[in-house]
PDB file of N, CA and C in Angstrom:
ATOM      1  N   MET A   1     140.214  73.029 146.208  1.00  0.00           N
ATOM      2  CA  MET A   1     139.581  73.726 145.078  1.00  0.00           C
ATOM      3  C   MET A   1     139.235  74.850 145.381  1.00  0.00           C
ATOM      4  N   PRO A   2     139.458  75.798 144.037  1.00  0.00           N
ATOM      5  CA  PRO A   2     139.579  77.183 143.366  1.00  0.00           C
ATOM      6  C   PRO A   2     137.927  77.637 144.512  1.00  0.00           C
ATOM      7  N   LYS A   3     138.388  78.752 145.046  1.00  0.00           N
ATOM      8  CA  LYS A   3     137.276  79.235 145.446  1.00  0.00           C
ATOM      9  C   LYS A   3     136.999  80.152 144.023  1.00  0.00           C
ATOM     10  N   ALA A   4     135.432  80.514 144.477  1.00  0.00           N
ATOM     11  CA  ALA A   4     134.842  81.377 143.050  1.00  0.00           C
ATOM     12  C   ALA A   4     134.708  82.815 143.707  1.00  0.00           C
ATOM     13  N   LYS A   5     134.436  83.500 142.267  1.00  0.00           N
ATOM     14  CA  LYS A   5     134.958  84.514 142.545  1.00  0.00           C
ATOM     15  C   LYS A   5     133.458  85.922 143.473  1.00  0.00           C
ATOM     16  N   LYS A   6     133.542  86.385 143.576  1.00  0.00           N
ATOM     17  CA  LYS A   6     132.519  86.801 144.059  1.00  0.00           C
ATOM     18  C   LYS A   6     131.864  87.532 142.906  1.00  0.00           C
ATOM     19  N   LYS A   7     130.415  87.832 142.351  1.00  0.00           N
ATOM     20  CA  LYS A   7     129.698  89.068 141.547  1.00  0.00           C
ATOM     21  C   LYS A   7     129.506  90.076 142.233  1.00  0.00           C
ATOM     22  N   ALA A   8     130.032  91.290 141.070  1.00  0.00           N
ATOM     23  CA  ALA A   8     129.552  92.478 141.612  1.00  0.00           C
ATOM     24  C   ALA A   8     128.369  93.392 142.693  1.00  0.00           C
ATOM     25  N   ALA A   9     127.945  93.253 143.289  1.00  0.00           N
ATOM     26  CA  ALA A   9     126.210  93.571 144.163  1.00  0.00           C
ATOM     27  C   ALA A   9     125.652  95.320 143.452  1.00  0.00           C
ATOM     28  N   GLY A  10     126.708  95.845 142.630  1.00  0.00           N
ATOM     29  CA  GLY A  10     126.029  97.239 142.333  1.00  0.00           C
ATOM     30  C   GLY A  10     124.698  96.646 141.361  1.00  0.00           C
ATOM     31  N   ARG A  11     123.964  97.512 140.726  1.00  0.00           N
ATOM     32  CA  ARG A  11     123.346  97.583 139.672  1.00  0.00           C
ATOM     33  C   ARG A  11     123.895  97.638 138.169  1.00  0.00           C
ATOM     34  N   PRO A  12     123.418  96.860 137.434  1.00  0.00           N
ATOM     35  CA  PRO A  12     123.951  96.477 135.878  1.00  0.00           C
ATOM     36  C   PRO A  12     123.830  97.902 135.385  1.00  0.00           C
ATOM     37  N   PRO A  13     124.846  98.057 134.286  1.00  0.00           N
ATOM     38  CA  PRO A  13     125.300  99.391 134.139  1.00  0.00           C
ATOM     39  C   PRO A  13     123.473  99.695 132.787  1.00  0.00           C
ATOM     40  N   GLN A  14     123.437 101.132 132.838  1.00  0.00           N
ATOM     41  CA  GLN A  14     122.475 101.015 132.047  1.00  0.00           C
ATOM     42  C   GLN A  14     122.452 101.148 130.948  1.00  0.00           C
ATOM     43  N   LYS A  15     121.954 100.113 130.101  1.00  0.00           N
ATOM     44  CA  LYS A  15     121.273 100.726 128.464  1.00  0.00           C
ATOM     45  C   LYS A  15     121.094 101.557 127.766  1.00  0.00           C
ATOM     46  N   THR A  16     121.799 102.482 127.253  1.00  0.00           N
ATOM     47  CA  THR A  16     121.290 103.396 126.803  1.00  0.00           C
ATOM     48  C   THR A  16     120.470 103.275 124.938  1.00  0.00           C
ATOM     49  N   ALA A  17     119.082 103.655 124.731  1.00  0.00           N
ATOM     50  CA  ALA A  17     118.377 103.178 123.838  1.00  0.00           C
ATOM     51  C   ALA A  17     118.850 103.602 122.437  1.00  0.00           C
ATOM     52  N   ALA A  18     118.326 102.782 121.541  1.00  0.00           N
ATOM     53  CA  ALA A  18     119.064 103.107 119.849  1.00  0.00           C
ATOM     54  C   ALA A  18     118.678 103.814 120.253  1.00  0.00           C
ATOM     55  N   TYR A  19     117.283 104.510 119.840  1.00  0.00           N
ATOM     56  CA  TYR A  19     116.646 105.313 119.347  1.00  0.00           C
ATOM     57  C   TYR A  19     116.320 106.234 120.459  1.00  0.00           C
ATOM     58  N   SER A  20     116.897 107.550 120.989  1.00  0.00           N
ATOM     59  CA  SER A  20     115.974 109.018 121.749  1.00  0.00           C
ATOM     60  C   SER A  20     114.745 109.712 121.272  1.00  0.00           C
ATOM     61  N   ALA A  21     114.730 110.185 122.281  1.00  0.00           N
ATOM     62  CA  ALA A  21     113.587 110.911 121.936  1.00  0.00           C
ATOM     63  C   ALA A  21     113.725 112.191 121.113  1.00  0.00           C
ATOM     64  N   PRO A  22     112.841 111.753 120.443  1.00  0.00           N
ATOM     65  CA  PRO A  22     113.241 112.685 118.937  1.00  0.00           C
ATOM     66  C   PRO A  22     113.317 114.559 119.672  1.00  0.00           C
ATOM     67  N   SER A  23     114.919 114.873 119.191  1.00  0.00           N
ATOM     68  CA  SER A  23     114.906 116.653 119.531  1.00  0.00           C
ATOM     69  C   SER A  23     114.343 117.403 118.461  1.00  0.00           C
ATOM     70  N   LEU A  24     113.958 116.771 117.551  1.00  0.00           N
ATOM     71  CA  LEU A  24     113.574 117.450 116.430  1.00  0.00           C
ATOM     72  C   LEU A  24     111.900 118.451 116.895  1.00  0.00           C
ATOM     73  N   ALA A  25     111.758 119.322 116.363  1.00  0.00           N
ATOM     74  CA  ALA A  25     110.195 120.387 116.177  1.00  0.00           C
ATOM     75  C   ALA A  25     109.722 119.364 115.498  1.00  0.00           C
ATOM     76  N   PRO A  26     107.927 118.893 116.554  1.00  0.00           N
ATOM     77  CA  PRO A  26     107.323 118.104 115.604  1.00  0.00           C
ATOM     78  C   PRO A  26     106.439 118.240 114.126  1.00  0.00           C
ATOM     79  N   GLN A  27     107.056 119.492 114.158  1.00  0.00           N
ATOM     80  CA  GLN A  27     106.496 120.330 112.652  1.00  0.00           C
ATOM     81  C   GLN A  27     107.311 119.466 111.563  1.00  0.00           C
ATOM     82  N   ILE A  28     108.934 119.619 112.025  1.00  0.00           N
ATOM     83  CA  ILE A  28     109.498 119.051 110.839  1.00  0.00           C
ATOM     84  C   ILE A  28     109.939 117.282 111.219  1.00  0.00           C
ATOM     85  N   LEU A  29     109.765 116.839 111.724  1.00  0.00           N
ATOM     86  CA  LEU A  29     108.780 115.490 111.920  1.00  0.00           C
ATOM     87  C   LEU A  29     107.838 115.136 110.943  1.00  0.00           C
ATOM     88  N   GLU A  30     106.677 116.359 111.140  1.00  0.00           N
ATOM     89  CA  GLU A  30     105.725 115.237 110.066  1.00  0.00           C
ATOM     90  C   GLU A  30     106.254 116.237 108.590  1.00  0.00           C
ATOM     91  N   GLN A  31     106.970 117.089 108.459  1.00  0.00           N
ATOM     92  CA  GLN A  31     107.195 117.322 107.175  1.00  0.00           C
ATOM     93  C   GLN A  31     107.890 116.158 106.451  1.00  0.00           C
ATOM     94  N   ALA A  32     108.981 115.430 107.491  1.00  0.00           N
ATOM     95  CA  ALA A  32     109.747 114.745 106.904  1.00  0.00           C
ATOM     96  C   ALA A  32     109.305 113.361 107.061  1.00  0.00           C
ATOM     97  N   ALA A  33     107.905 112.816 107.844  1.00  0.00           N
ATOM     98  CA  ALA A  33     107.035 111.343 107.413  1.00  0.00           C
ATOM     99  C   ALA A  33     106.487 111.567 106.305  1.00  0.00           C
ATOM    100  N   GLN A  34     105.725 113.053 106.143  1.00  0.00           N
ATOM    101  CA  GLN A  34     104.630 112.841 105.187  1.00  0.00           C
ATOM    102  C   GLN A  34     105.577 113.308 103.709  1.00  0.00           C
ATOM    103  N   GLY A  35     106.680 113.819 103.435  1.00  0.00           N
ATOM    104  CA  GLY A  35     107.779 113.234 102.483  1.00  0.00           C
ATOM    105  C   GLY A  35     108.081 111.708 102.160  1.00  0.00           C
ATOM    106  N   TRP A  36     109.245 111.075 103.609  1.00  0.00           N
ATOM    107  CA  TRP A  36     108.674 109.324 103.020  1.00  0.00           C
ATOM    108  C   TRP A  36     107.630 109.155 102.789  1.00  0.00           C
ATOM    109  N   LEU A  37     106.300 109.181 102.936  1.00  0.00           N
ATOM    110  CA  LEU A  37     105.409 108.291 102.416  1.00  0.00           C
ATOM    111  C   LEU A  37     105.011 108.700 100.992  1.00  0.00           C
ATOM    112  N   GLN A  38     104.948 109.756 100.665  1.00  0.00           N
ATOM    113  CA  GLN A  38     105.191 110.560  98.959  1.00  0.00           C
ATOM    114  C   GLN A  38     106.123 109.472  98.496  1.00  0.00           C
ATOM    115  N   SER A  39     107.297 109.715  98.452  1.00  0.00           N
ATOM    116  CA  SER A  39     108.445 109.412  98.393  1.00  0.00           C
ATOM    117  C   SER A  39     107.825 107.537  98.470  1.00  0.00           C
ATOM    118  N   SER A  40     107.570 106.978  98.884  1.00  0.00           N
ATOM    119  CA  SER A  40     107.286 105.834  98.781  1.00  0.00           C
ATOM    120  C   SER A  40     106.299 105.141  98.393  1.00  0.00           C
ATOM    121  N   GLY A  41     105.437 106.446  98.289  1.00  0.00           N
ATOM    122  CA  GLY A  41     104.203 105.600  97.142  1.00  0.00           C
ATOM    123  C   GLY A  41     102.973 105.652  98.243  1.00  0.00           C
ATOM    124  N   ALA A  42     103.253 105.450  99.692  1.00  0.00           N
ATOM    125  CA  ALA A  42     101.981 105.485 100.601  1.00  0.00           C
ATOM    126  C   ALA A  42     101.053 105.719 100.663  1.00  0.00           C
ATOM    127  N   ALA A  43     101.200 107.462 100.486  1.00  0.00           N
ATOM    128  CA  ALA A  43     100.480 108.685 100.418  1.00  0.00           C
ATOM    129  C   ALA A  43     100.315 109.139  99.499  1.00  0.00           C
ATOM    130  N   THR A  44      99.011 109.916  99.072  1.00  0.00           N
ATOM    131  CA  THR A  44      99.171 110.733  98.090  1.00  0.00           C
ATOM    132  C   THR A  44      97.798 111.708  98.790  1.00  0.00           C
ATOM    133  N   PRO A  45      98.855 113.062  98.442  1.00  0.00           N
ATOM    134  CA  PRO A  45      98.020 113.737  99.334  1.00  0.00           C
ATOM    135  C   PRO A  45      96.556 114.366  98.278  1.00  0.00           C
ATOM    136  N   VAL A  46      95.502 114.508  98.507  1.00  0.00           N
ATOM    137  CA  VAL A  46      94.480 114.762  97.917  1.00  0.00           C
ATOM    138  C   VAL A  46      93.712 115.954  97.499  1.00  0.00           C
ATOM    139  N   PRO A  47      93.797 116.891  96.884  1.00  0.00           N
ATOM    140  CA  PRO A  47      93.488 118.144  96.639  1.00  0.00           C
ATOM    141  C   PRO A  47      92.088 119.187  96.992  1.00  0.00           C
ATOM    142  N   ARG A  48      92.255 120.451  97.767  1.00  0.00           N
ATOM    143  CA  ARG A  48      91.068 119.935  98.648  1.00  0.00           C
ATOM    144  C   ARG A  48      89.822 120.180  98.044  1.00  0.00           C
ATOM    145  N   SER A  49      90.345 120.335  96.478  1.00  0.00           N
ATOM    146  CA  SER A  49      88.843 120.870  95.742  1.00  0.00           C
ATOM    147  C   SER A  49      88.554 119.426  95.561  1.00  0.00           C
ATOM    148  N   ALA A  50      89.304 117.968  95.346  1.00  0.00           N
ATOM    149  CA  ALA A  50      88.770 117.159  95.600  1.00  0.00           C
ATOM    150  C   ALA A  50      88.393 116.767  96.025  1.00  0.00           C
ATOM    151  N   LEU A  51      88.041 117.515  97.433  1.00  0.00           N
ATOM    152  CA  LEU A  51      87.756 116.686  99.062  1.00  0.00           C
ATOM    153  C   LEU A  51      86.141 117.382  98.743  1.00  0.00           C
ATOM    154  N   ALA A  52      86.278 118.621  98.246  1.00  0.00           N
ATOM    155  CA  ALA A  52      85.298 119.525  98.920  1.00  0.00           C
ATOM    156  C   ALA A  52      83.990 118.714  97.285  1.00  0.00           C
ATOM    157  N   GLN A  53      84.395 118.016  95.935  1.00  0.00           N
ATOM    158  CA  GLN A  53      83.868 117.590  95.200  1.00  0.00           C
ATOM    159  C   GLN A  53      83.094 116.164  95.208  1.00  0.00           C
ATOM    160  N   SER A  54      83.539 115.726  96.094  1.00  0.00           N
ATOM    161  CA  SER A  54      83.665 114.261  96.681  1.00  0.00           C
ATOM    162  C   SER A  54      82.686 114.335  97.412  1.00  0.00           C
ATOM    163  N   ASP A  55      83.179 115.605  99.187  1.00  0.00           N
ATOM    164  CA  ASP A  55      82.405 115.385  99.755  1.00  0.00           C
ATOM    165  C   ASP A  55      80.584 115.999  98.825  1.00  0.00           C
ATOM    166  N   ARG A  56      80.539 116.611  98.368  1.00  0.00           N
ATOM    167  CA  ARG A  56      79.361 117.262  97.373  1.00  0.00           C
ATOM    168  C   ARG A  56      78.082 116.349  96.773  1.00  0.00           C
ATOM    169  N   ARG A  57      79.322 115.628  95.778  1.00  0.00           N
ATOM    170  CA  ARG A  57      78.854 114.093  95.596  1.00  0.00           C
ATOM    171  C   ARG A  57      77.812 113.215  96.369  1.00  0.00           C
ATOM    172  N   LEU A  58      78.384 112.673  97.598  1.00  0.00           N
ATOM    173  CA  LEU A  58      78.026 111.860  98.323  1.00  0.00           C
ATOM    174  C   LEU A  58      76.747 112.557  98.997  1.00  0.00           C
ATOM    175  N   ALA A  59      76.709 113.869  98.898  1.00  0.00           N
ATOM    176  CA  ALA A  59      75.601 115.000 100.293  1.00  0.00           C
ATOM    177  C   ALA A  59      74.518 114.071  99.012  1.00  0.00           C
ATOM    178  N   GLU A  60      75.008 114.524  97.807  1.00  0.00           N
ATOM    179  CA  GLU A  60      74.067 113.865  96.722  1.00  0.00           C
ATOM    180  C   GLU A  60      73.938 113.076  97.228  1.00  0.00           C
ATOM    181  N   ALA A  61      74.566 112.412  96.927  1.00  0.00           N
ATOM    182  CA  ALA A  61      74.354 110.230  96.710  1.00  0.00           C
ATOM    183  C   ALA A  61      72.771 110.460  97.978  1.00  0.00           C
ATOM    184  N   LEU A  62      73.661 110.979  99.042  1.00  0.00           N
ATOM    185  CA  LEU A  62      72.445 110.704 100.276  1.00  0.00           C
ATOM    186  C   LEU A  62      70.718 111.219 100.255  1.00  0.00           C
ATOM    187  N   THR A  63      71.161 112.251  99.576  1.00  0.00           N
ATOM    188  CA  THR A  63      69.995 112.692  99.395  1.00  0.00           C
ATOM    189  C   THR A  63      68.696 112.216  98.764  1.00  0.00           C
ATOM    190  N   GLU A  64      69.284 111.973  97.848  1.00  0.00           N
ATOM    191  CA  GLU A  64      68.639 111.235  96.552  1.00  0.00           C
ATOM    192  C   GLU A  64      68.644 109.607  97.446  1.00  0.00           C
ATOM    193  N   THR A  65      69.378 108.970  97.747  1.00  0.00           N
ATOM    194  CA  THR A  65      68.424 107.534  98.500  1.00  0.00           C
ATOM    195  C   THR A  65      67.348 108.270  99.902  1.00  0.00           C
ATOM    196  N   LEU A  66      68.056 108.888 100.730  1.00  0.00           N
ATOM    197  CA  LEU A  66      66.734 109.110 101.322  1.00  0.00           C
ATOM    198  C   LEU A  66      65.448 109.393 101.168  1.00  0.00           C
ATOM    199  N   ARG A  67      65.248 110.604  99.965  1.00  0.00           N
ATOM    200  CA  ARG A  67      63.811 110.546  98.433  1.00  0.00           C
ATOM    201  C   ARG A  67      63.176 108.908  98.384  1.00  0.00           C
ATOM    202  N   GLU A  68      64.609 108.625  98.343  1.00  0.00           N
ATOM    203  CA  GLU A  68      63.823 107.294  97.348  1.00  0.00           C
ATOM    204  C   GLU A  68      63.078 106.858  98.531  1.00  0.00           C
ATOM    205  N   LEU A  69      63.865 106.473  99.589  1.00  0.00           N
ATOM    206  CA  LEU A  69      63.384 105.650 100.920  1.00  0.00           C
ATOM    207  C   LEU A  69      61.970 105.721 101.563  1.00  0.00           C
ATOM    208  N   ARG A  70      62.032 107.281 101.396  1.00  0.00           N
ATOM    209  CA  ARG A  70      60.546 108.459 102.480  1.00  0.00           C
ATOM    210  C   ARG A  70      59.923 107.827 101.226  1.00  0.00           C
ATOM    211  N   THR A  71      59.970 107.858 100.089  1.00  0.00           N
ATOM    212  CA  THR A  71      58.791 107.515  98.830  1.00  0.00           C
ATOM    213  C   THR A  71      57.996 106.170  99.306  1.00  0.00           C
ATOM    214  N   GLU A  72      58.922 104.964  99.223  1.00  0.00           N
ATOM    215  CA  GLU A  72      58.700 103.399  99.675  1.00  0.00           C
ATOM    216  C   GLU A  72      57.842 103.806 100.353  1.00  0.00           C
ATOM    217  N   ILE A  73      58.537 104.134 101.861  1.00  0.00           N
ATOM    218  CA  ILE A  73      57.869 104.179 102.965  1.00  0.00           C
ATOM    219  C   ILE A  73      56.755 104.266 103.246  1.00  0.00           C
ATOM    220  N   SER A  74      56.117 105.677 102.201  1.00  0.00           N
ATOM    221  CA  SER A  74      54.773 106.511 101.921  1.00  0.00           C
ATOM    222  C   SER A  74      54.031 104.902 101.054  1.00  0.00           C
ATOM    223  N   GLU A  75      55.057 104.917 100.621  1.00  0.00           N
ATOM    224  CA  GLU A  75      54.016 103.374  99.898  1.00  0.00           C
ATOM    225  C   GLU A  75      53.511 102.375  99.993  1.00  0.00           C
ATOM    226  N   LEU A  76      54.648 101.738 101.177  1.00  0.00           N
ATOM    227  CA  LEU A  76      54.220 100.818 102.104  1.00  0.00           C
ATOM    228  C   LEU A  76      53.578 100.950 102.895  1.00  0.00           C
ATOM    229  N   ARG A  77      53.083 102.555 103.390  1.00  0.00           N
ATOM    230  CA  ARG A  77      51.617 103.444 104.079  1.00  0.00           C
ATOM    231  C   ARG A  77      50.504 102.698 103.842  1.00  0.00           C
ATOM    232  N   SER A  78      50.258 103.525 102.461  1.00  0.00           N
ATOM    233  CA  SER A  78      49.835 103.599 102.079  1.00  0.00           C
ATOM    234  C   SER A  78      48.560 102.116 101.725  1.00  0.00           C
ATOM    235  N   ARG A  79      49.877 100.891 101.816  1.00  0.00           N
ATOM    236  CA  ARG A  79      49.857  99.784 101.000  1.00  0.00           C
ATOM    237  C   ARG A  79      48.856  98.934 101.989  1.00  0.00           C
ATOM    238  N   LEU A  80      49.238  99.389 103.369  1.00  0.00           N
ATOM    239  CA  LEU A  80      48.958  99.105 104.702  1.00  0.00           C
ATOM    240  C   LEU A  80      47.748  98.964 105.645  1.00  0.00           C
ATOM    241  N   ASP A  81      46.978 101.055 104.598  1.00  0.00           N
ATOM    242  CA  ASP A  81      46.054 100.941 105.333  1.00  0.00           C
ATOM    243  C   ASP A  81      45.357 100.611 104.467  1.00  0.00           C
ATOM    244  N   ARG A  82      45.472 100.065 103.335  1.00  0.00           N
ATOM    245  CA  ARG A  82      44.291  99.807 102.100  1.00  0.00           C
ATOM    246  C   ARG A  82      43.883  98.418 102.742  1.00  0.00           C
ATOM    247  N   LEU A  83      45.484  97.581 102.990  1.00  0.00           N
ATOM    248  CA  LEU A  83      45.098  96.671 103.684  1.00  0.00           C
ATOM    249  C   LEU A  83      44.052  96.064 105.046  1.00  0.00           C
ATOM    250  N   GLU A  84      44.645  96.733 105.824  1.00  0.00           N
ATOM    251  CA  GLU A  84      43.570  97.379 107.011  1.00  0.00           C
ATOM    252  C   GLU A  84      42.228  97.426 107.009  1.00  0.00           C
ATOM    253  N   ASN A  85      41.897  98.471 105.713  1.00  0.00           N
ATOM    254  CA  ASN A  85      40.632  99.033 105.335  1.00  0.00           C
ATOM    255  C   ASN A  85      39.962  97.520 105.005  1.00  0.00           C
ATOM    256  N   ARG A  86      40.539  96.480 104.827  1.00  0.00           N
ATOM    257  CA  ARG A  86      39.724  95.681 103.647  1.00  0.00           C
ATOM    258  C   ARG A  86      38.646  94.442 105.047  1.00  0.00           C
TER     259      ARG A  86
END
């Protein structure tokens, strides 16, 4: 009967990672990522003026909504007062 070969009792060789930690500066990586996203159409940067304008419109809409809610609450209070006085 043939003798079985003994396996080496050492650690298996370490595998190197396919993707190592980036050695580029974070700013360069961010710029590259933004460029890739823009070229793929995944992200289109919005100009700051458009953001300020949309923020202003949102604030105006919320102010108007709050004004309407306050008016309705006031009307409901007056109706409740009239019902309680009956």
